[in-house]
Amino acid sequence: MRLARKHNPDLLLLDVNLPDSSGMDVCQQIKAEEGLKDIFIVMLSAIYTDTESQAKGLETGADGYIARPISNRELLARVEAMLRIKAAEDALKASEKRFGALMENSTDSISLLDVKGRVIYDNPAAPGLLGYGREEWLGKNIFKLIHADELQKVKAQFESLTLTPGSRIQSIFRVRHKNRSWLWIDAVAANLLNEPGVNAIVVNYRDITERVQTHESVRHSRDLLLALSRA
């Protein structure tokens, strides 16, 4: 335990039959300690080689179990394979941490959707845009909020997006606020369904109602002036 705390190794080979304690007990202690729980532990034994013992070892938290005798070459190959797995897991955790930090700290509204258009996760800015509390927003199907005039267009875009991993679309449409008013939304969606740690359609969106209304007001004034000039 002292060595584990001092070196915090990527991988630890731990014999089940230790002189003064059980390797399984040590494994449980390591996995229970906050600073050590991510160490990859492989248990070894030349005595406890039956399937029941191996299952018990894995149940204590070990990431692998090797029955002896085993050649040095095979042991080294297995350790290297497990280290590759550990490196991949660490990279995934780092990616998830970065993505989570981006989601939580962004001032833009960001929601993660499943392939049916249901909200499975959102950042703090997302629910308030449409007047919902966070618990109300999770699980909501966005298609039920989109204006009928744009619904089929948005559905078609979304279905096309889900078929192409890594693709992106931008769309502008009206969405029903909780207070029953309509907001114009400018949304950019990316298909990250195959991206480890995300596995969702990521939608970044903002309210452009004021901009649309200003544009419509300017257009209406221009049309009115044009009509008066022809009179």
C-alpha atoms as a PDB file:
ATOM      1  CA  MET A   1       0.000   0.000   0.000  1.00  0.00           C
ATOM      2  CA  ARG A   2       2.887   2.361   0.774  1.00  0.00           C
ATOM      3  CA  LEU A   3       4.472   1.625  -2.593  1.00  0.00           C
ATOM      4  CA  ALA A   4       1.158   2.128  -4.392  1.00  0.00           C
ATOM      5  CA  ARG A   5       0.680   5.514  -2.721  1.00  0.00           C
ATOM      6  CA  LYS A   6       4.269   6.548  -3.438  1.00  0.00           C
ATOM      7  CA  HIS A   7       4.473   5.550  -7.111  1.00  0.00           C
ATOM      8  CA  ASN A   8       0.807   5.376  -8.208  1.00  0.00           C
ATOM      9  CA  PRO A   9       1.745   2.915 -10.992  1.00  0.00           C
ATOM     10  CA  ASP A  10      -0.201   2.415 -14.221  1.00  0.00           C
ATOM     11  CA  LEU A  11      -0.429  -1.309 -13.505  1.00  0.00           C
ATOM     12  CA  LEU A  12       0.131  -3.430 -10.435  1.00  0.00           C
ATOM     13  CA  LEU A  13       0.861  -7.190 -10.449  1.00  0.00           C
ATOM     14  CA  LEU A  14      -0.499  -8.574  -7.204  1.00  0.00           C
ATOM     15  CA  ASP A  15      -0.061 -12.131  -5.952  1.00  0.00           C
ATOM     16  CA  VAL A  16      -3.149 -13.628  -4.341  1.00  0.00           C
ATOM     17  CA  ASN A  17      -1.171 -15.602  -1.755  1.00  0.00           C
ATOM     18  CA  LEU A  18       0.868 -13.007   0.166  1.00  0.00           C
ATOM     19  CA  PRO A  19       2.952 -13.887   3.258  1.00  0.00           C
ATOM     20  CA  ASP A  20       0.939 -11.842   5.736  1.00  0.00           C
ATOM     21  CA  SER A  21      -2.384 -11.136   4.026  1.00  0.00           C
ATOM     22  CA  SER A  22      -4.609 -11.932   1.062  1.00  0.00           C
ATOM     23  CA  GLY A  23      -3.919 -10.212  -2.228  1.00  0.00           C
ATOM     24  CA  MET A  24      -7.673  -9.946  -2.672  1.00  0.00           C
ATOM     25  CA  ASP A  25      -7.931  -7.898   0.521  1.00  0.00           C
ATOM     26  CA  VAL A  26      -5.112  -5.634  -0.660  1.00  0.00           C
ATOM     27  CA  CYS A  27      -6.857  -5.224  -4.016  1.00  0.00           C
ATOM     28  CA  GLN A  28     -10.045  -4.118  -2.270  1.00  0.00           C
ATOM     29  CA  GLN A  29      -8.096  -1.617  -0.145  1.00  0.00           C
ATOM     30  CA  ILE A  30      -6.421  -0.107  -3.193  1.00  0.00           C
ATOM     31  CA  LYS A  31      -9.657   0.158  -5.163  1.00  0.00           C
ATOM     32  CA  ALA A  32     -11.391   1.759  -2.151  1.00  0.00           C
ATOM     33  CA  GLU A  33      -8.788   4.531  -1.815  1.00  0.00           C
ATOM     34  CA  GLU A  34      -9.652   7.650  -3.838  1.00  0.00           C
ATOM     35  CA  GLY A  35      -6.144   8.363  -5.078  1.00  0.00           C
ATOM     36  CA  LEU A  36      -5.429   4.741  -6.038  1.00  0.00           C
ATOM     37  CA  LYS A  37      -8.698   3.384  -7.415  1.00  0.00           C
ATOM     38  CA  ASP A  38      -7.682   3.932 -11.044  1.00  0.00           C
ATOM     39  CA  ILE A  39      -4.587   1.698 -10.791  1.00  0.00           C
ATOM     40  CA  PHE A  40      -4.942  -1.283 -13.133  1.00  0.00           C
ATOM     41  CA  ILE A  41      -4.561  -4.392 -10.937  1.00  0.00           C
ATOM     42  CA  VAL A  42      -3.716  -7.840 -12.305  1.00  0.00           C
ATOM     43  CA  MET A  43      -3.832 -10.701  -9.809  1.00  0.00           C
ATOM     44  CA  LEU A  44      -1.589 -13.753 -10.170  1.00  0.00           C
ATOM     45  CA  SER A  45      -1.597 -17.120  -8.466  1.00  0.00           C
ATOM     46  CA  ALA A  46      -0.095 -20.573  -8.858  1.00  0.00           C
ATOM     47  CA  ILE A  47      -2.345 -21.960  -6.106  1.00  0.00           C
ATOM     48  CA  TYR A  48      -5.750 -20.372  -6.665  1.00  0.00           C
ATOM     49  CA  THR A  49      -6.104 -21.144 -10.364  1.00  0.00           C
ATOM     50  CA  ASP A  50      -9.656 -22.522 -10.476  1.00  0.00           C
ATOM     51  CA  THR A  51     -12.426 -20.511 -12.162  1.00  0.00           C
ATOM     52  CA  GLU A  52     -14.155 -19.786  -8.831  1.00  0.00           C
ATOM     53  CA  SER A  53     -11.018 -18.138  -7.424  1.00  0.00           C
ATOM     54  CA  GLN A  54     -10.494 -16.157 -10.621  1.00  0.00           C
ATOM     55  CA  ALA A  55     -14.099 -14.939 -10.526  1.00  0.00           C
ATOM     56  CA  LYS A  56     -13.698 -13.954  -6.865  1.00  0.00           C
ATOM     57  CA  GLY A  57     -10.525 -12.036  -7.679  1.00  0.00           C
ATOM     58  CA  LEU A  58     -12.252 -10.062 -10.416  1.00  0.00           C
ATOM     59  CA  GLU A  59     -15.207  -9.386  -8.111  1.00  0.00           C
ATOM     60  CA  THR A  60     -12.866  -7.745  -5.572  1.00  0.00           C
ATOM     61  CA  GLY A  61     -12.025  -5.142  -8.208  1.00  0.00           C
ATOM     62  CA  ALA A  62      -9.073  -6.684 -10.081  1.00  0.00           C
ATOM     63  CA  ASP A  63      -8.894  -5.782 -13.761  1.00  0.00           C
ATOM     64  CA  GLY A  64      -7.298  -9.085 -14.745  1.00  0.00           C
ATOM     65  CA  TYR A  65      -6.340 -12.499 -13.338  1.00  0.00           C
ATOM     66  CA  ILE A  66      -3.431 -14.657 -14.518  1.00  0.00           C
ATOM     67  CA  ALA A  67      -2.979 -18.292 -13.468  1.00  0.00           C
ATOM     68  CA  ARG A  68       0.580 -19.512 -13.096  1.00  0.00           C
ATOM     69  CA  PRO A  69       2.758 -21.117 -14.375  1.00  0.00           C
ATOM     70  CA  ILE A  70       3.184 -18.705 -17.255  1.00  0.00           C
ATOM     71  CA  SER A  71       6.257 -17.932 -19.344  1.00  0.00           C
ATOM     72  CA  ASN A  72       7.952 -14.565 -18.947  1.00  0.00           C
ATOM     73  CA  ARG A  73       7.262 -13.782 -22.593  1.00  0.00           C
ATOM     74  CA  GLU A  74       3.531 -14.458 -22.265  1.00  0.00           C
ATOM     75  CA  LEU A  75       3.343 -12.533 -18.987  1.00  0.00           C
ATOM     76  CA  LEU A  76       5.059  -9.541 -20.590  1.00  0.00           C
ATOM     77  CA  ALA A  77       2.744  -9.701 -23.625  1.00  0.00           C
ATOM     78  CA  ARG A  78      -0.336  -9.767 -21.394  1.00  0.00           C
ATOM     79  CA  VAL A  79       0.919  -6.874 -19.284  1.00  0.00           C
ATOM     80  CA  GLU A  80       1.624  -4.809 -22.404  1.00  0.00           C
ATOM     81  CA  ALA A  81      -1.868  -5.568 -23.743  1.00  0.00           C
ATOM     82  CA  MET A  82      -3.419  -4.498 -20.446  1.00  0.00           C
ATOM     83  CA  LEU A  83      -1.350  -1.313 -20.405  1.00  0.00           C
ATOM     84  CA  ARG A  84      -2.706  -0.487 -23.863  1.00  0.00           C
ATOM     85  CA  ILE A  85      -6.236  -0.956 -22.501  1.00  0.00           C
ATOM     86  CA  LYS A  86      -5.371   1.265 -19.521  1.00  0.00           C
ATOM     87  CA  ALA A  87      -3.972   3.968 -21.821  1.00  0.00           C
ATOM     88  CA  ALA A  88      -7.141   3.880 -23.939  1.00  0.00           C
ATOM     89  CA  GLU A  89      -9.314   4.148 -20.815  1.00  0.00           C
ATOM     90  CA  ASP A  90      -7.253   7.094 -19.522  1.00  0.00           C
ATOM     91  CA  ALA A  91      -7.545   8.869 -22.879  1.00  0.00           C
ATOM     92  CA  LEU A  92     -11.310   8.316 -22.874  1.00  0.00           C
ATOM     93  CA  LYS A  93     -11.648   9.675 -19.328  1.00  0.00           C
ATOM     94  CA  ALA A  94      -9.589  12.744 -20.251  1.00  0.00           C
ATOM     95  CA  SER A  95     -11.753  13.321 -23.318  1.00  0.00           C
ATOM     96  CA  GLU A  96     -14.940  12.958 -21.258  1.00  0.00           C
ATOM     97  CA  LYS A  97     -13.564  15.387 -18.662  1.00  0.00           C
ATOM     98  CA  ARG A  98     -12.746  18.009 -21.321  1.00  0.00           C
ATOM     99  CA  PHE A  99     -16.136  17.584 -22.967  1.00  0.00           C
ATOM    100  CA  GLY A 100     -17.895  17.814 -19.596  1.00  0.00           C
ATOM    101  CA  ALA A 101     -16.001  20.995 -18.703  1.00  0.00           C
ATOM    102  CA  LEU A 102     -16.943  22.525 -22.061  1.00  0.00           C
ATOM    103  CA  MET A 103     -20.597  21.625 -21.579  1.00  0.00           C
ATOM    104  CA  GLU A 104     -20.843  22.873 -18.007  1.00  0.00           C
ATOM    105  CA  ASN A 105     -19.011  26.171 -18.530  1.00  0.00           C
ATOM    106  CA  SER A 106     -20.350  27.235 -21.920  1.00  0.00           C
ATOM    107  CA  THR A 107     -22.644  30.264 -21.956  1.00  0.00           C
ATOM    108  CA  ASP A 108     -24.304  28.883 -25.095  1.00  0.00           C
ATOM    109  CA  SER A 109     -27.216  26.485 -24.805  1.00  0.00           C
ATOM    110  CA  ILE A 110     -26.047  22.932 -25.533  1.00  0.00           C
ATOM    111  CA  SER A 111     -28.175  19.783 -25.401  1.00  0.00           C
ATOM    112  CA  LEU A 112     -27.353  16.155 -26.166  1.00  0.00           C
ATOM    113  CA  LEU A 113     -30.082  14.256 -28.006  1.00  0.00           C
ATOM    114  CA  ASP A 114     -30.638  10.590 -28.729  1.00  0.00           C
ATOM    115  CA  VAL A 115     -31.611   9.370 -32.196  1.00  0.00           C
ATOM    116  CA  LYS A 116     -35.302  10.017 -31.405  1.00  0.00           C
ATOM    117  CA  GLY A 117     -34.680  13.677 -30.566  1.00  0.00           C
ATOM    118  CA  ARG A 118     -35.029  13.263 -26.794  1.00  0.00           C
ATOM    119  CA  VAL A 119     -32.861  15.370 -24.472  1.00  0.00           C
ATOM    120  CA  ILE A 120     -30.484  13.074 -22.583  1.00  0.00           C
ATOM    121  CA  TYR A 121     -28.152  15.742 -21.193  1.00  0.00           C
ATOM    122  CA  ASP A 122     -27.833  19.514 -21.222  1.00  0.00           C
ATOM    123  CA  ASN A 123     -25.600  22.221 -19.886  1.00  0.00           C
ATOM    124  CA  PRO A 124     -26.842  24.736 -17.279  1.00  0.00           C
ATOM    125  CA  ALA A 125     -27.679  27.350 -19.935  1.00  0.00           C
ATOM    126  CA  ALA A 126     -29.923  25.072 -22.019  1.00  0.00           C
ATOM    127  CA  PRO A 127     -33.195  24.593 -20.067  1.00  0.00           C
ATOM    128  CA  GLY A 128     -33.697  28.250 -19.172  1.00  0.00           C
ATOM    129  CA  LEU A 129     -33.723  29.343 -22.798  1.00  0.00           C
ATOM    130  CA  LEU A 130     -37.196  27.867 -23.234  1.00  0.00           C
ATOM    131  CA  GLY A 131     -38.356  28.477 -19.673  1.00  0.00           C
ATOM    132  CA  TYR A 132     -38.036  24.924 -18.361  1.00  0.00           C
ATOM    133  CA  GLY A 133     -36.326  23.678 -15.238  1.00  0.00           C
ATOM    134  CA  ARG A 134     -33.499  21.229 -15.828  1.00  0.00           C
ATOM    135  CA  GLU A 135     -35.486  18.228 -14.610  1.00  0.00           C
ATOM    136  CA  GLU A 136     -38.395  19.188 -16.869  1.00  0.00           C
ATOM    137  CA  TRP A 137     -36.106  19.540 -19.874  1.00  0.00           C
ATOM    138  CA  LEU A 138     -34.374  16.157 -19.580  1.00  0.00           C
ATOM    139  CA  GLY A 139     -36.264  13.499 -21.519  1.00  0.00           C
ATOM    140  CA  LYS A 140     -38.282  16.036 -23.505  1.00  0.00           C
ATOM    141  CA  ASN A 141     -38.678  15.360 -27.222  1.00  0.00           C
ATOM    142  CA  ILE A 142     -37.689  18.498 -29.116  1.00  0.00           C
ATOM    143  CA  PHE A 143     -39.937  17.689 -32.084  1.00  0.00           C
ATOM    144  CA  LYS A 144     -42.985  18.241 -29.895  1.00  0.00           C
ATOM    145  CA  LEU A 145     -41.922  21.873 -29.422  1.00  0.00           C
ATOM    146  CA  ILE A 146     -41.132  22.812 -33.036  1.00  0.00           C
ATOM    147  CA  HIS A 147     -43.610  24.916 -35.010  1.00  0.00           C
ATOM    148  CA  ALA A 148     -45.697  22.942 -37.503  1.00  0.00           C
ATOM    149  CA  ASP A 149     -44.474  25.069 -40.411  1.00  0.00           C
ATOM    150  CA  GLU A 150     -40.859  23.971 -39.844  1.00  0.00           C
ATOM    151  CA  LEU A 151     -41.399  20.532 -38.276  1.00  0.00           C
ATOM    152  CA  GLN A 152     -41.076  18.361 -41.394  1.00  0.00           C
ATOM    153  CA  LYS A 153     -38.002  20.262 -42.579  1.00  0.00           C
ATOM    154  CA  VAL A 154     -36.252  19.883 -39.230  1.00  0.00           C
ATOM    155  CA  LYS A 155     -37.223  16.195 -38.942  1.00  0.00           C
ATOM    156  CA  ALA A 156     -35.797  15.476 -42.394  1.00  0.00           C
ATOM    157  CA  GLN A 157     -32.554  17.294 -41.535  1.00  0.00           C
ATOM    158  CA  PHE A 158     -32.264  15.432 -38.241  1.00  0.00           C
ATOM    159  CA  GLU A 159     -32.862  12.013 -39.806  1.00  0.00           C
ATOM    160  CA  SER A 160     -30.247  12.730 -42.463  1.00  0.00           C
ATOM    161  CA  LEU A 161     -27.811  13.838 -39.762  1.00  0.00           C
ATOM    162  CA  THR A 162     -28.202  10.626 -37.731  1.00  0.00           C
ATOM    163  CA  LEU A 163     -27.234   8.530 -40.770  1.00  0.00           C
ATOM    164  CA  THR A 164     -23.849  10.211 -41.240  1.00  0.00           C
ATOM    165  CA  PRO A 165     -21.377  10.045 -38.319  1.00  0.00           C
ATOM    166  CA  GLY A 166     -19.375  13.244 -37.923  1.00  0.00           C
ATOM    167  CA  SER A 167     -21.725  15.331 -40.067  1.00  0.00           C
ATOM    168  CA  ARG A 168     -23.124  18.753 -39.090  1.00  0.00           C
ATOM    169  CA  ILE A 169     -26.178  20.791 -40.004  1.00  0.00           C
ATOM    170  CA  GLN A 170     -27.442  24.285 -39.269  1.00  0.00           C
ATOM    171  CA  SER A 171     -31.119  25.092 -39.094  1.00  0.00           C
ATOM    172  CA  ILE A 172     -33.359  28.007 -38.100  1.00  0.00           C
ATOM    173  CA  PHE A 173     -36.854  27.275 -36.805  1.00  0.00           C
ATOM    174  CA  ARG A 174     -39.475  28.264 -34.244  1.00  0.00           C
ATOM    175  CA  VAL A 175     -39.798  26.533 -30.889  1.00  0.00           C
ATOM    176  CA  ARG A 176     -42.585  26.814 -28.317  1.00  0.00           C
ATOM    177  CA  HIS A 177     -41.486  28.469 -25.047  1.00  0.00           C
ATOM    178  CA  LYS A 178     -43.007  27.145 -21.828  1.00  0.00           C
ATOM    179  CA  ASN A 179     -45.062  30.336 -21.616  1.00  0.00           C
ATOM    180  CA  ARG A 180     -46.613  29.353 -25.005  1.00  0.00           C
ATOM    181  CA  SER A 181     -44.828  32.062 -27.001  1.00  0.00           C
ATOM    182  CA  TRP A 182     -42.722  31.214 -30.065  1.00  0.00           C
ATOM    183  CA  LEU A 183     -38.961  31.722 -30.213  1.00  0.00           C
ATOM    184  CA  TRP A 184     -36.790  31.654 -33.318  1.00  0.00           C
ATOM    185  CA  ILE A 185     -33.829  29.358 -32.730  1.00  0.00           C
ATOM    186  CA  ASP A 186     -30.568  29.138 -34.662  1.00  0.00           C
ATOM    187  CA  ALA A 187     -29.196  25.624 -34.077  1.00  0.00           C
ATOM    188  CA  VAL A 188     -26.043  23.792 -35.147  1.00  0.00           C
ATOM    189  CA  ALA A 189     -26.160  20.016 -34.649  1.00  0.00           C
ATOM    190  CA  ALA A 190     -23.287  17.519 -34.911  1.00  0.00           C
ATOM    191  CA  ASN A 191     -23.536  13.738 -35.112  1.00  0.00           C
ATOM    192  CA  LEU A 192     -21.217  12.427 -32.381  1.00  0.00           C
ATOM    193  CA  LEU A 193     -23.123   9.176 -31.861  1.00  0.00           C
ATOM    194  CA  ASN A 194     -19.950   7.176 -32.542  1.00  0.00           C
ATOM    195  CA  GLU A 195     -17.690   9.402 -30.452  1.00  0.00           C
ATOM    196  CA  PRO A 196     -16.655   7.650 -27.195  1.00  0.00           C
ATOM    197  CA  GLY A 197     -17.720   9.613 -24.156  1.00  0.00           C
ATOM    198  CA  VAL A 198     -20.409  11.507 -26.087  1.00  0.00           C
ATOM    199  CA  ASN A 199     -22.608   9.034 -28.004  1.00  0.00           C
ATOM    200  CA  ALA A 200     -25.217  11.635 -28.882  1.00  0.00           C
ATOM    201  CA  ILE A 201     -26.342  14.329 -31.279  1.00  0.00           C
ATOM    202  CA  VAL A 202     -24.821  17.540 -29.893  1.00  0.00           C
ATOM    203  CA  VAL A 203     -26.931  20.654 -30.515  1.00  0.00           C
ATOM    204  CA  ASN A 204     -25.620  24.160 -29.886  1.00  0.00           C
ATOM    205  CA  TYR A 205     -28.410  26.730 -30.155  1.00  0.00           C
ATOM    206  CA  ARG A 206     -29.350  30.322 -29.381  1.00  0.00           C
ATOM    207  CA  ASP A 207     -32.369  32.597 -29.397  1.00  0.00           C
ATOM    208  CA  ILE A 208     -32.472  34.877 -32.466  1.00  0.00           C
ATOM    209  CA  THR A 209     -36.097  36.010 -32.056  1.00  0.00           C
ATOM    210  CA  GLU A 210     -35.167  39.688 -31.692  1.00  0.00           C
ATOM    211  CA  ARG A 211     -32.980  39.544 -34.788  1.00  0.00           C
ATOM    212  CA  VAL A 212     -35.731  37.905 -36.852  1.00  0.00           C
ATOM    213  CA  GLN A 213     -38.335  40.382 -35.620  1.00  0.00           C
ATOM    214  CA  THR A 214     -36.035  43.311 -36.452  1.00  0.00           C
ATOM    215  CA  HIS A 215     -35.454  41.898 -39.918  1.00  0.00           C
ATOM    216  CA  GLU A 216     -39.195  41.441 -40.449  1.00  0.00           C
ATOM    217  CA  SER A 217     -39.885  44.974 -39.229  1.00  0.00           C
ATOM    218  CA  VAL A 218     -37.294  46.424 -41.611  1.00  0.00           C
ATOM    219  CA  ARG A 219     -38.675  44.360 -44.498  1.00  0.00           C
ATOM    220  CA  HIS A 220     -42.231  45.448 -43.709  1.00  0.00           C
ATOM    221  CA  SER A 221     -41.184  49.127 -43.576  1.00  0.00           C
ATOM    222  CA  ARG A 222     -39.322  48.769 -46.870  1.00  0.00           C
ATOM    223  CA  ASP A 223     -42.330  47.138 -48.535  1.00  0.00           C
ATOM    224  CA  LEU A 224     -44.607  49.872 -47.173  1.00  0.00           C
ATOM    225  CA  LEU A 225     -42.341  52.641 -48.479  1.00  0.00           C
ATOM    226  CA  LEU A 226     -42.142  50.908 -51.855  1.00  0.00           C
ATOM    227  CA  ALA A 227     -45.931  50.662 -52.015  1.00  0.00           C
ATOM    228  CA  LEU A 228     -46.329  54.355 -51.095  1.00  0.00           C
ATOM    229  CA  SER A 229     -43.789  55.390 -53.734  1.00  0.00           C
ATOM    230  CA  ARG A 230     -45.824  53.583 -56.389  1.00  0.00           C
ATOM    231  CA  ALA A 231     -49.100  55.142 -55.276  1.00  0.00           C
END
